[in-house]
Amino acid sequence: MKDLDSMSTMPIKNPQKTLELLWNRVKQRGDLPGFANVISAIMGAIRGEDDREFNMTKTVLSDPALTQKVLRLANSAMYSVFGRDINTVSKAVLIVGTESIGHLALGSKLIDGLAKASTGSTSTHNEMEKAVLAGHIARQITGAASARDAEEAVVCSMLHGLGRMMVTFYLSDHWSLIRARCAEQDIDEAQATLDNFGIGLDEIGRWVAQKWGLPTALINSMQDVLPQTVDEPLDHADWLGAVATLSSHCASLLCDAVNTTPDELADLVNSYAEMLGMDGSEMLAAVHTAQESAAQDALFASVAKPAKLENSTLVVVPSGKPADAVRALTRGVADMRGVSNNTTAYQLMTMALETVYQGLRLSRAIVFLRNANEGKYFARMGFGENVQELIPRLVFAEAYQPDVFHAGLASDKIIVVKDAKDPAFVNKLPHWWRDALPTVHSFVILPLTANRHPAGFIYGDWDVPLSAATLDAAELLSLNDLRALMVQAIEQRSQLNGSLII
């Protein structure tokens, strides 16, 4: 591999050696760890049903920078009709929509990851802009046609030029040679690339996508689908490929505005109109709308620098609980109250869980709900480290036991345990909790009692000791307001279906 690097200024002309050199550079300069998992999580949230808002919220909250971008977008002029005081990601997801948030999340992860691995060159910046703009174009085109699987088309369009991005970022020396040869010898980029690498950019993109384990449909869309006359509607794979090709090529033309005429853009769009079963003028209008929306996009406008959300950083005190917890809790409850009449109990539960998790700066926050048919409490959703792996283990019988959880459910009062490591308190902690959560020092239980029956509870913990100050009166007041909103939603749900199961 060292020999390959030493020859990096000479054309390689061998597909296998090209891919070996690329992956060697990736290892040296930093891969995009977890990027494939992020795509899977985002696509899963977009396609989900009852839990789609929760899954998208969880994905966003896993990245503080992305959290800021989502809140900034939700509070932008574009969504001003909903007010300018959206404080929680879960409300932002409801207002903006899981699809739009998914687009922002995917673009953010891709751009941030590649930017960290790149040298920050002009070519790098241009390729990032093109990827984001291609996503906007795909969204507008598919939206104008009320097309199926629009978000999948957005993802495919953003990654259509993955091979080109990888070469620009990791093989910049070769990319400079290719661009120079195109200018000096007046040959097209595709031929110069093939002459240099022995392999095309689209093939490089598909190979990288396979290495990352990306979805098959996405991988297959990473090749140009040329405009053609068709006798019947395109199948799903060809439709994705055609939309991704058109969107990425339009983005390239728009980002190279100096050398692009309006007629070129119109000709490109019209060449795909019949193939996609759309009107060319409507498609061209959609492309221009996409260009305008991209200019206002928090991600597009901050490709070179992360967005900032004023006053979004909580001050952490040694206990692990934020010093301004009451402010965060109050704002979260206000978000819940503002949408409580227009959301499902599950959506409101997501907001409540986020409010407690972020407001108290917990290590983990988990919702337990009672299943009356099975006579058990089950963990249903949660935020925090390793929560998804823990959830299947967090289950216990509703039959009363002399432990802190049953005591909290019976009393319908918030319980705060400052020192779960205290030997005198161990006999009040159930075995299922001790086995699953051995690192916890302090925790809080917020019972939810609906129609005079325990329906479940919100559990939160800290892996550091809670300070002597514990939770103050103002914080408890906000938490009780949160409980009241949740109980109201659960009772309304039970009136509709005769069950307390969410």
Protein backbone atom coordinates (compact mmCIF):
# COMPACT_ATOMS: atom_id res chain seq x y z
CA MET A 1 0.00 0.00 0.00
CA LYS A 2 2.90 2.33 0.66
CA ASP A 3 4.02 1.86 -2.96
CA LEU A 4 0.58 2.94 -4.14
CA ASP A 5 0.84 6.18 -2.18
CA SER A 6 4.29 6.92 -3.60
CA MET A 7 2.85 6.60 -7.13
CA SER A 8 -0.15 8.80 -6.33
CA THR A 9 0.81 11.55 -8.78
CA MET A 10 0.80 9.09 -11.73
CA PRO A 11 -2.34 7.65 -13.37
CA ILE A 12 -3.26 4.32 -11.82
CA LYS A 13 -5.22 2.84 -14.74
CA ASN A 14 -6.17 -0.20 -12.68
CA PRO A 15 -9.59 -0.52 -10.97
CA GLN A 16 -8.39 -2.76 -8.15
CA LYS A 17 -5.39 -0.58 -7.33
CA THR A 18 -7.58 2.51 -7.45
CA LEU A 19 -9.99 1.04 -4.90
CA GLU A 20 -7.11 -0.14 -2.70
CA LEU A 21 -5.58 3.33 -2.72
CA LEU A 22 -8.94 4.95 -1.96
CA TRP A 23 -9.61 2.71 1.01
CA ASN A 24 -6.07 3.18 2.27
CA ARG A 25 -6.65 6.94 2.24
CA VAL A 26 -9.99 6.47 3.99
CA LYS A 27 -8.27 4.54 6.78
CA GLN A 28 -5.49 7.10 7.06
CA ARG A 29 -7.65 10.22 7.05
CA GLY A 30 -10.75 8.93 8.76
CA ASP A 31 -13.78 6.99 7.58
CA LEU A 32 -17.37 7.98 8.26
CA PRO A 33 -18.03 5.59 11.15
CA GLY A 34 -21.68 4.88 11.71
CA PHE A 35 -22.80 6.69 8.56
CA ALA A 36 -24.52 3.60 7.15
CA ASN A 37 -26.26 3.10 10.50
CA VAL A 38 -27.43 6.71 10.43
CA ILE A 39 -28.96 6.24 6.97
CA SER A 40 -30.73 3.07 8.14
CA ALA A 41 -32.06 4.83 11.24
CA ILE A 42 -33.28 7.83 9.24
CA MET A 43 -34.95 5.72 6.57
CA GLY A 44 -36.51 3.52 9.25
CA ALA A 45 -37.93 6.56 11.01
CA ILE A 46 -39.32 7.98 7.78
CA ARG A 47 -41.02 4.71 6.90
CA GLY A 48 -42.21 3.96 10.43
CA GLU A 49 -45.72 4.45 11.72
CA ASP A 50 -46.55 4.91 15.41
CA ASP A 51 -42.93 5.36 16.45
CA ARG A 52 -41.64 7.40 13.53
CA GLU A 53 -41.51 10.70 15.45
CA PHE A 54 -39.79 9.03 18.41
CA ASN A 55 -37.19 7.32 16.24
CA MET A 56 -36.43 10.53 14.36
CA THR A 57 -36.18 12.46 17.63
CA LYS A 58 -33.80 9.83 19.00
CA THR A 59 -31.62 10.03 15.89
CA VAL A 60 -31.42 13.82 16.10
CA LEU A 61 -30.74 13.92 19.85
CA SER A 62 -27.78 11.58 19.39
CA ASP A 63 -25.94 14.47 17.71
CA PRO A 64 -25.81 17.84 19.56
CA ALA A 65 -24.86 19.74 16.40
CA LEU A 66 -27.76 18.21 14.49
CA THR A 67 -30.08 19.03 17.40
CA GLN A 68 -29.16 22.70 17.04
CA LYS A 69 -29.76 22.65 13.28
CA VAL A 70 -33.19 21.05 13.66
CA LEU A 71 -34.28 23.57 16.28
CA ARG A 72 -32.94 26.41 14.19
CA LEU A 73 -34.92 25.17 11.17
CA ALA A 74 -38.12 24.78 13.20
CA ASN A 75 -37.78 28.33 14.51
CA SER A 76 -36.99 29.82 11.10
CA ALA A 77 -39.25 32.13 9.10
CA MET A 78 -40.32 29.17 6.99
CA TYR A 79 -42.29 27.77 9.95
CA SER A 80 -43.18 31.05 11.65
CA VAL A 81 -46.90 30.23 11.38
CA PHE A 82 -46.31 27.75 14.20
CA GLY A 83 -44.58 30.35 16.38
CA ARG A 84 -40.92 31.07 16.99
CA ASP A 85 -40.52 29.32 20.33
CA ILE A 86 -40.05 25.63 19.60
CA ASN A 87 -37.78 24.24 22.30
CA THR A 88 -37.78 20.47 21.85
CA VAL A 89 -36.68 18.31 18.95
CA SER A 90 -39.81 16.18 19.29
CA LYS A 91 -42.03 19.22 18.67
CA ALA A 92 -39.78 20.30 15.80
CA VAL A 93 -40.28 16.87 14.23
CA LEU A 94 -44.06 17.27 14.52
CA ILE A 95 -43.99 20.77 13.04
CA VAL A 96 -41.44 20.29 10.28
CA GLY A 97 -42.21 16.61 9.57
CA THR A 98 -40.15 13.45 9.81
CA GLU A 99 -39.37 13.55 6.09
CA SER A 100 -37.93 17.06 6.11
CA ILE A 101 -36.04 16.39 9.34
CA GLY A 102 -34.74 13.16 7.81
CA HIS A 103 -33.45 15.10 4.81
CA LEU A 104 -31.72 17.59 7.08
CA ALA A 105 -30.29 14.81 9.26
CA LEU A 106 -28.93 12.82 6.36
CA GLY A 107 -27.41 15.86 4.72
CA SER A 108 -25.91 17.01 8.00
CA LYS A 109 -24.32 13.64 8.74
CA LEU A 110 -22.95 13.31 5.21
CA ILE A 111 -21.63 16.84 5.01
CA ASP A 112 -20.15 16.89 8.52
CA GLY A 113 -18.54 13.49 8.08
CA LEU A 114 -16.95 14.21 4.74
CA ALA A 115 -15.93 17.72 5.79
CA LYS A 116 -14.02 16.32 8.77
CA ALA A 117 -12.25 13.84 6.53
CA SER A 118 -11.45 16.35 3.80
CA THR A 119 -8.90 19.11 3.48
CA GLY A 120 -11.53 21.81 3.16
CA SER A 121 -10.62 22.62 -0.48
CA THR A 122 -12.84 24.53 -2.86
CA SER A 123 -13.67 21.28 -4.66
CA THR A 124 -14.75 19.76 -1.37
CA HIS A 125 -17.07 22.67 -0.63
CA ASN A 126 -18.57 22.57 -4.13
CA GLU A 127 -19.31 18.85 -3.95
CA MET A 128 -21.01 19.25 -0.57
CA GLU A 129 -23.18 22.05 -1.94
CA LYS A 130 -24.14 19.95 -4.95
CA ALA A 131 -25.16 17.01 -2.77
CA VAL A 132 -27.40 19.15 -0.58
CA LEU A 133 -28.92 21.00 -3.55
CA ALA A 134 -29.59 17.70 -5.36
CA GLY A 135 -31.64 16.60 -2.36
CA HIS A 136 -33.69 19.81 -2.49
CA ILE A 137 -34.31 19.37 -6.21
CA ALA A 138 -35.45 15.77 -5.79
CA ARG A 139 -37.83 16.82 -3.02
CA GLN A 140 -39.42 19.55 -5.14
CA ILE A 141 -39.68 17.45 -8.30
CA THR A 142 -41.23 14.45 -6.57
CA GLY A 143 -43.48 16.73 -4.53
CA ALA A 144 -44.78 18.42 -7.67
CA ALA A 145 -45.71 15.01 -9.03
CA SER A 146 -47.03 13.64 -5.71
CA ALA A 147 -44.61 10.83 -6.45
CA ARG A 148 -44.20 7.66 -4.49
CA ASP A 149 -41.27 7.18 -2.14
CA ALA A 150 -40.23 10.82 -2.41
CA GLU A 151 -37.86 10.70 0.56
CA GLU A 152 -36.05 7.69 -0.82
CA ALA A 153 -35.50 9.71 -3.99
CA VAL A 154 -34.08 12.57 -1.92
CA VAL A 155 -31.58 10.24 -0.25
CA CYS A 156 -30.59 8.66 -3.56
CA SER A 157 -30.13 12.09 -5.16
CA MET A 158 -27.89 13.33 -2.36
CA LEU A 159 -25.68 10.26 -2.65
CA HIS A 160 -25.81 9.92 -6.43
CA GLY A 161 -22.42 11.61 -6.68
CA LEU A 162 -20.84 9.64 -3.83
CA GLY A 163 -18.03 8.35 -6.05
CA ARG A 164 -17.19 11.87 -7.17
CA MET A 165 -17.23 13.09 -3.56
CA MET A 166 -14.98 10.28 -2.37
CA VAL A 167 -12.45 10.95 -5.12
CA THR A 168 -12.53 14.69 -4.45
CA PHE A 169 -12.05 14.22 -0.71
CA TYR A 170 -9.64 11.29 -0.53
CA LEU A 171 -7.85 11.31 -3.91
CA SER A 172 -7.55 15.06 -4.37
CA ASP A 173 -4.13 14.74 -6.04
CA HIS A 174 -5.59 12.54 -8.76
CA TRP A 175 -8.64 14.75 -9.05
CA SER A 176 -6.38 17.73 -9.78
CA LEU A 177 -4.70 15.73 -12.57
CA ILE A 178 -8.06 14.78 -14.05
CA ARG A 179 -9.35 18.36 -14.01
CA ALA A 180 -6.10 19.64 -15.52
CA ARG A 181 -6.23 17.09 -18.34
CA CYS A 182 -9.85 18.00 -19.11
CA ALA A 183 -8.86 21.66 -19.45
CA GLU A 184 -5.65 21.11 -21.39
CA GLN A 185 -6.77 18.37 -23.79
CA ASP A 186 -10.45 19.29 -24.05
CA ILE A 187 -11.75 15.83 -23.13
CA ASP A 188 -14.76 15.12 -20.97
CA GLU A 189 -14.49 14.33 -17.28
CA ALA A 190 -15.83 10.79 -17.59
CA GLN A 191 -13.16 9.79 -20.10
CA ALA A 192 -10.37 11.49 -18.13
CA THR A 193 -11.49 9.71 -14.98
CA LEU A 194 -11.60 6.35 -16.71
CA ASP A 195 -8.15 6.93 -18.21
CA ASN A 196 -6.71 7.82 -14.79
CA PHE A 197 -8.38 5.20 -12.60
CA GLY A 198 -9.44 2.46 -14.99
CA ILE A 199 -12.89 2.76 -13.39
CA GLY A 200 -15.71 5.29 -13.48
CA LEU A 201 -16.90 7.53 -10.66
CA ASP A 202 -20.27 5.80 -10.46
CA GLU A 203 -18.60 2.42 -10.00
CA ILE A 204 -16.42 3.88 -7.24
CA GLY A 205 -19.53 5.23 -5.51
CA ARG A 206 -21.32 1.87 -5.64
CA TRP A 207 -18.24 0.08 -4.34
CA VAL A 208 -17.97 2.47 -1.36
CA ALA A 209 -21.70 2.16 -0.70
CA GLN A 210 -21.36 -1.63 -0.61
CA LYS A 211 -18.44 -1.33 1.82
CA TRP A 212 -20.67 0.78 4.07
CA GLY A 213 -23.54 -1.68 3.77
CA LEU A 214 -26.03 0.82 2.34
CA PRO A 215 -29.45 -0.33 1.05
CA THR A 216 -29.47 -2.11 -2.31
CA ALA A 217 -31.94 0.32 -3.90
CA LEU A 218 -29.69 3.22 -2.97
CA ILE A 219 -26.60 1.51 -4.37
CA ASN A 220 -28.34 0.70 -7.65
CA SER A 221 -29.35 4.35 -8.09
CA MET A 222 -25.70 5.47 -8.11
CA GLN A 223 -25.37 5.37 -11.87
CA ASP A 224 -26.65 7.69 -14.55
CA VAL A 225 -29.98 6.78 -16.13
CA LEU A 226 -30.04 8.52 -19.50
CA PRO A 227 -33.26 10.10 -20.78
CA GLN A 228 -35.18 7.83 -23.12
CA THR A 229 -38.61 7.24 -24.57
CA VAL A 230 -40.61 4.73 -22.52
CA ASP A 231 -43.83 2.90 -23.38
CA GLU A 232 -44.92 2.40 -19.78
CA PRO A 233 -44.19 3.89 -16.35
CA LEU A 234 -40.70 3.20 -14.99
CA ASP A 235 -40.26 0.52 -12.38
CA HIS A 236 -39.16 1.59 -8.90
CA ALA A 237 -35.41 1.14 -9.47
CA ASP A 238 -35.35 3.00 -12.79
CA TRP A 239 -37.54 5.78 -11.36
CA LEU A 240 -35.13 6.30 -8.45
CA GLY A 241 -32.17 6.30 -10.81
CA ALA A 242 -33.78 8.78 -13.20
CA VAL A 243 -34.79 11.22 -10.46
CA ALA A 244 -31.35 10.96 -8.82
CA THR A 245 -29.57 11.49 -12.14
CA LEU A 246 -31.68 14.51 -13.09
CA SER A 247 -31.42 16.08 -9.63
CA SER A 248 -27.66 15.70 -9.35
CA HIS A 249 -27.07 16.98 -12.90
CA CYS A 250 -29.33 19.98 -12.28
CA ALA A 251 -27.40 20.69 -9.08
CA SER A 252 -24.12 20.58 -10.99
CA LEU A 253 -25.42 23.05 -13.56
CA LEU A 254 -26.77 25.42 -10.92
CA CYS A 255 -23.57 25.31 -8.88
CA ASP A 256 -21.60 26.11 -12.04
CA ALA A 257 -23.84 29.08 -12.85
CA VAL A 258 -21.02 31.03 -14.54
CA ASN A 259 -20.81 28.51 -17.38
CA THR A 260 -24.48 27.52 -17.46
CA THR A 261 -27.24 29.12 -19.51
CA PRO A 262 -30.98 28.97 -18.70
CA ASP A 263 -31.52 27.00 -21.92
CA GLU A 264 -29.11 24.28 -20.79
CA LEU A 265 -31.04 23.77 -17.58
CA ALA A 266 -34.39 23.78 -19.39
CA ASP A 267 -33.11 21.30 -21.99
CA LEU A 268 -31.87 18.95 -19.28
CA VAL A 269 -35.16 19.05 -17.39
CA ASN A 270 -37.27 18.63 -20.53
CA SER A 271 -35.23 15.64 -21.64
CA TYR A 272 -36.45 13.73 -18.56
CA ALA A 273 -40.03 15.06 -18.50
CA GLU A 274 -41.66 12.42 -20.69
CA MET A 275 -39.63 9.64 -19.11
CA LEU A 276 -40.84 10.63 -15.62
CA GLY A 277 -44.38 11.30 -16.82
CA MET A 278 -44.29 14.96 -15.81
CA ASP A 279 -44.74 18.36 -17.41
CA GLY A 280 -41.41 19.98 -18.26
CA SER A 281 -42.44 23.49 -17.23
CA GLU A 282 -43.65 22.25 -13.84
CA MET A 283 -40.40 20.37 -13.32
CA LEU A 284 -38.34 23.44 -14.23
CA ALA A 285 -40.37 25.54 -11.79
CA ALA A 286 -39.74 22.88 -9.12
CA VAL A 287 -35.98 23.08 -9.75
CA HIS A 288 -36.02 26.86 -9.30
CA THR A 289 -38.08 26.50 -6.13
CA ALA A 290 -35.51 24.02 -4.85
CA GLN A 291 -32.71 26.49 -5.55
CA GLU A 292 -34.54 29.15 -3.54
CA SER A 293 -35.32 26.82 -0.62
CA ALA A 294 -31.72 25.60 -0.54
CA ALA A 295 -30.53 29.16 -0.09
CA GLN A 296 -32.64 29.37 3.08
CA ASP A 297 -31.69 25.91 4.34
CA ALA A 298 -29.79 25.94 7.63
CA LEU A 299 -27.64 23.09 6.32
CA PHE A 300 -26.94 24.54 2.88
CA ALA A 301 -26.14 27.97 4.31
CA SER A 302 -23.72 26.49 6.82
CA VAL A 303 -21.94 23.85 4.76
CA ALA A 304 -18.60 25.32 5.78
CA LYS A 305 -19.47 26.05 9.39
CA PRO A 306 -21.80 24.58 12.01
CA ALA A 307 -25.01 26.38 12.85
CA LYS A 308 -25.44 27.92 16.27
CA LEU A 309 -28.59 28.17 18.33
CA GLU A 310 -28.52 31.04 20.76
CA ASN A 311 -28.89 30.09 24.43
CA SER A 312 -29.12 26.39 23.57
CA THR A 313 -26.30 25.18 25.81
CA LEU A 314 -27.24 24.08 29.32
CA VAL A 315 -24.85 24.81 32.17
CA VAL A 316 -23.95 21.56 33.91
CA VAL A 317 -23.32 21.46 37.66
CA PRO A 318 -21.25 18.69 39.29
CA SER A 319 -24.37 16.62 40.16
CA GLY A 320 -25.02 16.08 36.43
CA LYS A 321 -28.29 18.02 36.61
CA PRO A 322 -28.30 21.36 34.72
CA ALA A 323 -28.26 24.50 36.82
CA ASP A 324 -31.13 25.89 34.73
CA ALA A 325 -33.15 22.68 34.70
CA VAL A 326 -36.37 24.44 35.65
CA ARG A 327 -36.11 26.69 32.58
CA ALA A 328 -35.61 23.71 30.26
CA LEU A 329 -38.45 21.79 31.91
CA THR A 330 -40.81 24.75 31.73
CA ARG A 331 -40.09 25.31 28.05
CA GLY A 332 -40.54 21.62 27.30
CA VAL A 333 -43.89 21.55 29.09
CA ALA A 334 -44.93 24.65 27.12
CA ASP A 335 -44.13 22.77 23.90
CA MET A 336 -46.29 19.87 25.07
CA ARG A 337 -49.17 22.10 26.06
CA GLY A 338 -49.06 23.87 22.70
CA VAL A 339 -49.70 20.66 20.73
CA SER A 340 -51.54 18.50 23.27
CA ASN A 341 -54.90 18.80 21.46
CA ASN A 342 -53.48 17.82 18.08
CA THR A 343 -51.16 14.92 18.85
CA THR A 344 -51.44 11.27 19.73
CA ALA A 345 -50.58 10.02 23.20
CA TYR A 346 -47.50 8.38 21.70
CA GLN A 347 -46.28 11.65 20.16
CA LEU A 348 -46.88 13.52 23.40
CA MET A 349 -45.03 10.80 25.29
CA THR A 350 -42.02 11.37 23.03
CA MET A 351 -42.09 15.06 23.91
CA ALA A 352 -42.44 14.33 27.63
CA LEU A 353 -39.54 11.89 27.54
CA GLU A 354 -37.29 14.34 25.71
CA THR A 355 -38.22 17.14 28.12
CA VAL A 356 -37.25 15.05 31.15
CA TYR A 357 -34.14 13.63 29.47
CA GLN A 358 -32.79 16.98 28.29
CA GLY A 359 -34.15 19.10 31.13
CA LEU A 360 -32.59 17.00 33.91
CA ARG A 361 -29.53 16.01 31.84
CA LEU A 362 -30.17 12.35 32.58
CA SER A 363 -27.98 9.44 31.61
CA ARG A 364 -31.11 7.56 30.53
CA ALA A 365 -34.84 8.32 30.33
CA ILE A 366 -37.29 5.47 29.78
CA VAL A 367 -41.08 5.16 29.59
CA PHE A 368 -42.68 2.13 31.23
CA LEU A 369 -46.30 1.31 30.40
CA ARG A 370 -48.66 -1.20 31.98
CA ASN A 371 -50.06 -3.95 29.80
CA ALA A 372 -53.21 -4.99 31.65
CA ASN A 373 -53.67 -8.10 29.51
CA GLU A 374 -50.29 -9.50 30.54
CA GLY A 375 -50.24 -8.00 34.03
CA LYS A 376 -46.80 -6.49 33.49
CA TYR A 377 -44.98 -3.19 33.03
CA PHE A 378 -42.84 -2.99 29.91
CA ALA A 379 -40.22 -0.43 28.87
CA ARG A 380 -41.57 1.05 25.63
CA MET A 381 -39.15 3.79 24.56
CA GLY A 382 -36.08 5.55 25.86
CA PHE A 383 -33.23 7.95 25.27
CA GLY A 384 -29.65 7.52 26.45
CA GLU A 385 -26.68 5.22 26.35
CA ASN A 386 -27.42 1.58 25.42
CA VAL A 387 -31.15 2.08 26.03
CA GLN A 388 -32.23 0.09 22.98
CA GLU A 389 -30.27 -2.92 24.20
CA LEU A 390 -31.68 -2.51 27.71
CA ILE A 391 -35.37 -2.17 26.84
CA PRO A 392 -36.10 -5.91 26.34
CA ARG A 393 -34.74 -6.58 29.86
CA LEU A 394 -36.81 -3.90 31.58
CA VAL A 395 -40.04 -5.67 32.45
CA PHE A 396 -41.70 -6.57 35.75
CA ALA A 397 -45.01 -7.85 37.08
CA GLU A 398 -47.70 -5.42 38.20
CA ALA A 399 -48.47 -7.56 41.29
CA TYR A 400 -47.31 -5.51 44.25
CA GLN A 401 -43.80 -6.02 45.59
CA PRO A 402 -42.18 -4.02 48.43
CA ASP A 403 -39.83 -2.06 46.16
CA VAL A 404 -39.41 1.58 45.21
CA PHE A 405 -41.15 1.26 41.85
CA HIS A 406 -44.36 -0.26 43.19
CA ALA A 407 -44.27 2.26 46.03
CA GLY A 408 -44.12 5.14 43.57
CA LEU A 409 -46.96 3.72 41.48
CA ALA A 410 -49.12 3.18 44.56
CA SER A 411 -48.55 6.68 45.93
CA ASP A 412 -48.81 8.51 42.58
CA LYS A 413 -46.05 10.87 43.76
CA ILE A 414 -42.67 11.64 42.24
CA ILE A 415 -39.91 9.67 43.93
CA VAL A 416 -36.28 10.78 43.86
CA VAL A 417 -33.56 8.35 44.94
CA LYS A 418 -30.37 10.28 45.60
CA ASP A 419 -28.12 7.35 46.46
CA ALA A 420 -29.03 4.00 44.97
CA LYS A 421 -25.69 2.65 46.20
CA ASP A 422 -26.63 3.12 49.85
CA PRO A 423 -26.49 -0.38 51.47
CA ALA A 424 -29.51 0.48 53.58
CA PHE A 425 -31.56 1.06 50.43
CA VAL A 426 -30.56 -2.02 48.44
CA ASN A 427 -33.48 -4.15 49.65
CA LYS A 428 -35.91 -1.62 48.09
CA LEU A 429 -34.39 -2.09 44.63
CA PRO A 430 -35.78 -4.97 42.54
CA HIS A 431 -33.47 -7.56 41.02
CA TRP A 432 -34.47 -6.70 37.43
CA TRP A 433 -33.31 -3.11 37.98
CA ARG A 434 -30.05 -4.04 39.73
CA ASP A 435 -29.16 -6.55 36.99
CA ALA A 436 -29.88 -4.19 34.10
CA LEU A 437 -28.60 -0.88 35.51
CA PRO A 438 -25.61 -1.49 37.81
CA THR A 439 -23.95 1.88 37.03
CA VAL A 440 -26.81 4.09 38.26
CA HIS A 441 -26.18 6.31 41.30
CA SER A 442 -29.40 8.35 41.38
CA PHE A 443 -32.80 8.12 39.71
CA VAL A 444 -36.28 9.60 39.58
CA ILE A 445 -39.70 8.00 39.05
CA LEU A 446 -42.66 9.97 37.64
CA PRO A 447 -45.83 7.83 38.04
CA LEU A 448 -48.66 8.19 35.52
CA THR A 449 -52.05 7.39 37.05
CA ALA A 450 -55.02 7.50 34.67
CA ASN A 451 -58.63 6.95 35.70
CA ARG A 452 -57.38 6.15 39.21
CA HIS A 453 -55.25 3.24 37.92
CA PRO A 454 -51.47 3.16 37.40
CA ALA A 455 -50.82 3.38 33.65
CA GLY A 456 -47.04 3.48 33.80
CA PHE A 457 -44.22 5.86 34.67
CA ILE A 458 -41.33 7.86 33.32
CA TYR A 459 -37.99 6.72 34.72
CA GLY A 460 -34.78 8.75 34.58
CA ASP A 461 -31.35 8.17 36.07
CA TRP A 462 -27.88 9.60 36.47
CA ASP A 463 -24.64 7.61 36.46
CA VAL A 464 -23.24 10.23 38.83
CA PRO A 465 -24.51 11.01 42.35
CA LEU A 466 -27.29 13.57 42.57
CA SER A 467 -26.29 16.60 44.60
CA ALA A 468 -27.64 17.26 48.07
CA ALA A 469 -29.97 19.82 46.52
CA THR A 470 -31.87 17.00 44.74
CA LEU A 471 -34.90 18.34 42.77
CA ASP A 472 -36.19 21.68 43.97
CA ALA A 473 -39.82 22.78 44.29
CA ALA A 474 -39.91 24.60 40.94
CA GLU A 475 -38.52 21.57 39.10
CA LEU A 476 -41.03 19.28 40.79
CA LEU A 477 -43.83 21.66 39.82
CA SER A 478 -42.83 21.48 36.15
CA LEU A 479 -42.54 17.70 36.32
CA ASN A 480 -46.02 17.48 37.84
CA ASP A 481 -47.37 19.68 35.03
CA LEU A 482 -45.74 17.29 32.56
CA ARG A 483 -47.34 14.32 34.32
CA ALA A 484 -50.76 15.98 34.18
CA LEU A 485 -50.52 16.51 30.42
CA MET A 486 -49.49 12.91 29.89
CA VAL A 487 -52.26 11.54 32.08
CA GLN A 488 -54.81 13.63 30.21
CA ALA A 489 -53.60 12.22 26.89
CA ILE A 490 -53.68 8.64 28.20
CA GLU A 491 -57.20 9.07 29.59
CA GLN A 492 -58.42 10.48 26.28
CA ARG A 493 -56.84 7.54 24.47
CA SER A 494 -58.46 5.05 26.87
CA GLN A 495 -61.88 6.61 26.25
CA LEU A 496 -61.46 5.95 22.56
CA ASN A 497 -60.29 2.34 22.71
CA GLY A 498 -61.18 1.21 26.24
CA SER A 499 -57.57 0.49 27.15
CA LEU A 500 -54.74 2.18 29.00
CA ILE A 501 -52.20 0.63 26.64
CA ILE A 502 -50.53 3.26 24.43
